C-alpha atoms as a PDB file:
ATOM      1  CA  ASP A   1     111.118 102.594  82.577  1.00  0.00           C
ATOM      2  CA  ALA A   2     112.643 103.208  79.137  1.00  0.00           C
ATOM      3  CA  THR A   3     110.945 106.622  78.963  1.00  0.00           C
ATOM      4  CA  GLY A   4     112.196 107.674  82.407  1.00  0.00           C
ATOM      5  CA  ARG A   5     108.841 107.319  84.172  1.00  0.00           C
ATOM      6  CA  ALA A   6     109.187 105.973  87.714  1.00  0.00           C
ATOM      7  CA  ASN A   7     106.922 103.409  89.337  1.00  0.00           C
ATOM      8  CA  VAL A   8     106.020 102.960  92.991  1.00  0.00           C
ATOM      9  CA  MET A   9     104.557  99.986  94.869  1.00  0.00           C
ATOM     10  CA  PRO A  10     104.224  98.975  98.520  1.00  0.00           C
ATOM     11  CA  ALA A  11     106.185  95.836  99.381  1.00  0.00           C
ATOM     12  CA  GLY A  12     105.080  93.764 102.348  1.00  0.00           C
ATOM     13  CA  TRP A  13     108.034  91.381 102.354  1.00  0.00           C
ATOM     14  CA  ALA A  14     111.193  93.407 102.896  1.00  0.00           C
ATOM     15  CA  MET A  15     114.101  93.406 105.345  1.00  0.00           C
ATOM     16  CA  PHE A  16     117.718  94.237 105.965  1.00  0.00           C
ATOM     17  CA  ALA A  17     119.689  91.130 105.037  1.00  0.00           C
ATOM     18  CA  CYS A  18     123.314  91.975 105.882  1.00  0.00           C
ATOM     19  CA  ASP A  19     125.365  94.555 107.748  1.00  0.00           C
ATOM     20  CA  ASP A  20     128.625  94.474 105.791  1.00  0.00           C
ATOM     21  CA  PRO A  21     127.990  95.131 103.014  1.00  0.00           C
ATOM     22  CA  CYS A  22     124.656  96.736 103.828  1.00  0.00           C
ATOM     23  CA  LEU A  23     122.091  94.646 101.923  1.00  0.00           C
ATOM     24  CA  PHE A  24     118.313  95.015 101.765  1.00  0.00           C
ATOM     25  CA  ALA A  25     116.029  92.247 100.435  1.00  0.00           C
ATOM     26  CA  VAL A  26     112.570  92.662  98.971  1.00  0.00           C
ATOM     27  CA  ALA A  27     110.221  90.065  97.445  1.00  0.00           C
ATOM     28  CA  ILE A  28     108.407  91.236  94.301  1.00  0.00           C
ATOM     29  CA  HIS A  29     105.749  89.304  92.379  1.00  0.00           C
ATOM     30  CA  LYS A  30     107.025  88.251  88.945  1.00  0.00           C
ATOM     31  CA  GLY A  31     103.999  89.755  87.192  1.00  0.00           C
ATOM     32  CA  HIS A  32     104.465  93.265  88.585  1.00  0.00           C
ATOM     33  CA  LEU A  33     105.934  96.147  86.632  1.00  0.00           C
ATOM     34  CA  THR A  34     108.362  96.787  89.496  1.00  0.00           C
ATOM     35  CA  HIS A  35     109.817  93.296  88.980  1.00  0.00           C
ATOM     36  CA  GLU A  36     110.420  94.033  85.310  1.00  0.00           C
ATOM     37  CA  LEU A  37     111.972  97.439  86.050  1.00  0.00           C
ATOM     38  CA  ILE A  38     114.385  96.104  88.687  1.00  0.00           C
ATOM     39  CA  GLN A  39     115.532  93.309  86.372  1.00  0.00           C
ATOM     40  CA  ARG A  40     116.029  95.771  83.524  1.00  0.00           C
ATOM     41  CA  SER A  41     117.736  98.569  85.435  1.00  0.00           C
ATOM     42  CA  GLY A  42     119.499  96.698  88.250  1.00  0.00           C
ATOM     43  CA  GLU A  43     118.509  99.507  90.640  1.00  0.00           C
ATOM     44  CA  PHE A  44     115.713 100.377  93.053  1.00  0.00           C
ATOM     45  CA  VAL A  45     114.877 102.643  95.968  1.00  0.00           C
ATOM     46  CA  ILE A  46     113.286 101.505  99.207  1.00  0.00           C
ATOM     47  CA  ALA A  47     111.197 104.356 100.642  1.00  0.00           C
ATOM     48  CA  VAL A  48     110.150 103.931 104.256  1.00  0.00           C
ATOM     49  CA  PRO A  49     106.698 105.542 104.474  1.00  0.00           C
ATOM     50  CA  ALA A  50     105.736 108.192 106.998  1.00  0.00           C
ATOM     51  CA  PRO A  51     102.403 108.783 108.727  1.00  0.00           C
ATOM     52  CA  GLY A  52     100.050 110.486 106.283  1.00  0.00           C
ATOM     53  CA  MET A  53     100.978 108.176 103.387  1.00  0.00           C
ATOM     54  CA  GLU A  54      98.266 105.610 104.167  1.00  0.00           C
ATOM     55  CA  GLU A  55      96.024 106.471 101.199  1.00  0.00           C
ATOM     56  CA  ALA A  56      98.955 106.459  98.777  1.00  0.00           C
ATOM     57  CA  ILE A  57      99.941 102.994 100.035  1.00  0.00           C
ATOM     58  CA  ARG A  58      96.385 101.695  99.580  1.00  0.00           C
ATOM     59  CA  TYR A  59      96.118 103.165  96.088  1.00  0.00           C
ATOM     60  CA  CYS A  60      99.578 102.144  94.890  1.00  0.00           C
ATOM     61  CA  GLY A  61      99.062  98.613  96.180  1.00  0.00           C
ATOM     62  CA  SER A  62      95.878  98.157  94.171  1.00  0.00           C
ATOM     63  CA  ARG A  63      96.843  99.681  90.798  1.00  0.00           C
ATOM     64  CA  SER A  64      99.341  98.756  88.121  1.00  0.00           C
ATOM     65  CA  GLY A  65     101.995 101.185  86.965  1.00  0.00           C
ATOM     66  CA  ARG A  66     101.388  99.821  83.478  1.00  0.00           C
ATOM     67  CA  VAL A  67      97.965 101.508  83.547  1.00  0.00           C
ATOM     68  CA  VAL A  68      98.342 104.614  85.711  1.00  0.00           C
ATOM     69  CA  ASP A  69     101.084 106.989  86.852  1.00  0.00           C
ATOM     70  CA  LYS A  70     100.778 106.372  90.589  1.00  0.00           C
ATOM     71  CA  PHE A  71     103.156 109.206  91.500  1.00  0.00           C
ATOM     72  CA  ALA A  72     100.935 111.742  89.710  1.00  0.00           C
ATOM     73  CA  THR A  73      97.632 110.284  90.901  1.00  0.00           C
ATOM     74  CA  CYS A  74      98.746 110.210  94.564  1.00  0.00           C
ATOM     75  CA  ASP A  75     100.595 113.532  94.291  1.00  0.00           C
ATOM     76  CA  LEU A  76     103.784 111.879  95.547  1.00  0.00           C
ATOM     77  CA  GLN A  77     106.690 114.268  95.181  1.00  0.00           C
ATOM     78  CA  THR A  78     110.102 112.964  94.210  1.00  0.00           C
ATOM     79  CA  LEU A  79     113.670 113.976  94.882  1.00  0.00           C
ATOM     80  CA  PRO A  80     116.667 113.004  92.766  1.00  0.00           C
ATOM     81  CA  ALA A  81     118.749 110.114  94.057  1.00  0.00           C
ATOM     82  CA  ARG A  82     122.525 110.519  94.326  1.00  0.00           C
ATOM     83  CA  ARG A  83     123.675 107.118  93.067  1.00  0.00           C
ATOM     84  CA  VAL A  84     120.762 105.430  91.213  1.00  0.00           C
ATOM     85  CA  GLN A  85     118.247 106.471  88.552  1.00  0.00           C
ATOM     86  CA  PRO A  86     114.966 105.794  90.419  1.00  0.00           C
ATOM     87  CA  PRO A  87     113.865 108.815  92.461  1.00  0.00           C
ATOM     88  CA  LEU A  88     113.479 109.163  96.208  1.00  0.00           C
ATOM     89  CA  ILE A  89     110.025 109.833  97.667  1.00  0.00           C
ATOM     90  CA  ALA A  90     109.831 113.221  99.369  1.00  0.00           C
ATOM     91  CA  GLY A  91     108.327 113.098 102.852  1.00  0.00           C
ATOM     92  CA  ALA A  92     109.264 109.470 103.421  1.00  0.00           C
ATOM     93  CA  GLN A  93     110.874 108.691 106.769  1.00  0.00           C
ATOM     94  CA  ALA A  94     113.874 107.254 104.914  1.00  0.00           C
ATOM     95  CA  ASN A  95     114.997 106.351 101.392  1.00  0.00           C
ATOM     96  CA  LEU A  96     117.567 103.677 100.580  1.00  0.00           C
ATOM     97  CA  GLU A  97     119.263 103.747  97.182  1.00  0.00           C
ATOM     98  CA  CYS A  98     120.018 100.160  96.134  1.00  0.00           C
ATOM     99  CA  VAL A  99     122.036  98.539  93.364  1.00  0.00           C
ATOM    100  CA  LEU A 100     121.057  94.952  92.606  1.00  0.00           C
ATOM    101  CA  HIS A 101     123.445  92.576  94.394  1.00  0.00           C
ATOM    102  CA  SER A 102     121.684  89.268  93.697  1.00  0.00           C
ATOM    103  CA  GLN A 103     118.301  87.708  93.140  1.00  0.00           C
ATOM    104  CA  THR A 104     116.670  84.427  94.114  1.00  0.00           C
ATOM    105  CA  ASP A 105     113.665  82.668  92.644  1.00  0.00           C
ATOM    106  CA  ALA A 106     110.901  82.273  95.229  1.00  0.00           C
ATOM    107  CA  GLY A 107     107.979  80.700  93.370  1.00  0.00           C
ATOM    108  CA  ASP A 108     105.742  83.454  92.028  1.00  0.00           C
ATOM    109  CA  HIS A 109     108.087  86.091  93.526  1.00  0.00           C
ATOM    110  CA  THR A 110     111.734  86.994  93.118  1.00  0.00           C
ATOM    111  CA  ILE A 111     113.730  88.078  96.136  1.00  0.00           C
ATOM    112  CA  PHE A 112     115.860  90.999  95.018  1.00  0.00           C
ATOM    113  CA  VAL A 113     118.827  91.789  97.261  1.00  0.00           C
ATOM    114  CA  GLY A 114     120.132  95.298  96.819  1.00  0.00           C
ATOM    115  CA  GLN A 115     123.343  96.782  98.150  1.00  0.00           C
ATOM    116  CA  VAL A 116     122.514 100.072  99.842  1.00  0.00           C
ATOM    117  CA  VAL A 117     124.773 102.653  98.176  1.00  0.00           C
ATOM    118  CA  ALA A 118     123.185 105.756  99.747  1.00  0.00           C
ATOM    119  CA  ALA A 119     120.715 106.364 102.569  1.00  0.00           C
ATOM    120  CA  HIS A 120     118.602 109.399 103.393  1.00  0.00           C
ATOM    121  CA  GLU A 121     116.591 110.059 106.556  1.00  0.00           C
ATOM    122  CA  ASP A 122     114.089 112.862 107.064  1.00  0.00           C
ATOM    123  CA  ASP A 123     114.591 113.841 110.703  1.00  0.00           C
ATOM    124  CA  ALA A 124     111.498 116.056 110.551  1.00  0.00           C
ATOM    125  CA  VAL A 125     109.250 113.016 109.963  1.00  0.00           C
ATOM    126  CA  GLY A 126     110.201 111.206 113.155  1.00  0.00           C
ATOM    127  CA  ALA A 127     107.956 108.147 112.768  1.00  0.00           C
ATOM    128  CA  ARG A 128     107.824 105.213 110.412  1.00  0.00           C
ATOM    129  CA  LEU A 129     104.464 104.079 109.062  1.00  0.00           C
ATOM    130  CA  MET A 130     103.967 100.335 109.481  1.00  0.00           C
ATOM    131  CA  ASN A 131     101.481  98.608 107.154  1.00  0.00           C
ATOM    132  CA  PHE A 132      99.970  95.444 108.633  1.00  0.00           C
ATOM    133  CA  GLY A 133      97.601  94.796 105.695  1.00  0.00           C
ATOM    134  CA  ASP A 134      93.805  94.961 105.555  1.00  0.00           C
ATOM    135  CA  GLY A 135      93.919  98.712 106.152  1.00  0.00           C
ATOM    136  CA  LEU A 136      95.779  98.423 109.466  1.00  0.00           C
ATOM    137  CA  PHE A 137      98.540 100.990 109.965  1.00  0.00           C
ATOM    138  CA  ALA A 138     100.581 102.087 112.969  1.00  0.00           C
ATOM    139  CA  ALA A 139     103.313 104.663 113.492  1.00  0.00           C
ATOM    140  CA  ALA A 140     106.574 103.377 114.969  1.00  0.00           C
ATOM    141  CA  ILE A 141     108.894 105.887 116.585  1.00  0.00           C
ATOM    142  CA  PRO A 142     112.568 104.924 116.258  1.00  0.00           C
ATOM    143  CA  ALA A 143     114.283 104.237 119.575  1.00  0.00           C
ATOM    144  CA  PRO A 144     117.730 105.634 120.299  1.00  0.00           C
ATOM    145  CA  PRO A 145     120.581 103.250 119.431  1.00  0.00           C
ATOM    146  CA  VAL A 146     121.653 100.809 122.127  1.00  0.00           C
ATOM    147  CA  PRO A 147     125.401 100.950 122.884  1.00  0.00           C
ATOM    148  CA  ARG A 148     127.225  97.824 121.694  1.00  0.00           C
ATOM    149  CA  GLY A 149     128.752  95.453 124.215  1.00  0.00           C
ATOM    150  CA  ARG A 150     125.869  95.472 126.672  1.00  0.00           C
END
């Protein structure tokens, strides 16, 4: 925000949208602080959660950053990003630094499409935490890449 305080929120509707350039899309409710911050700054970070972050996801998804500092409350540690102002989340399986490429109105949400300008993977984490809603989580282990042309 204007004072430099970061906000964090889980996003259920998110995906890679293009290979070249590398684009990532995320739908954010228009009433959320995150929506306001992305529109103001033109930047965001997508942090792919790791196993052990379940409680932080539950908490951050049920509180507003206008009322509470979710990073401090959940003891989420940050790392500086290389190309954008929002911080990376330490211990996440991956962090994608994004610069706003475009946005599309989607009713009560806006779909923000960010160009990935830097990517970070924590090889020590190994698994990606998948959130299926209603308290259902699973760990997905990345498979090795499949050779092209097969």
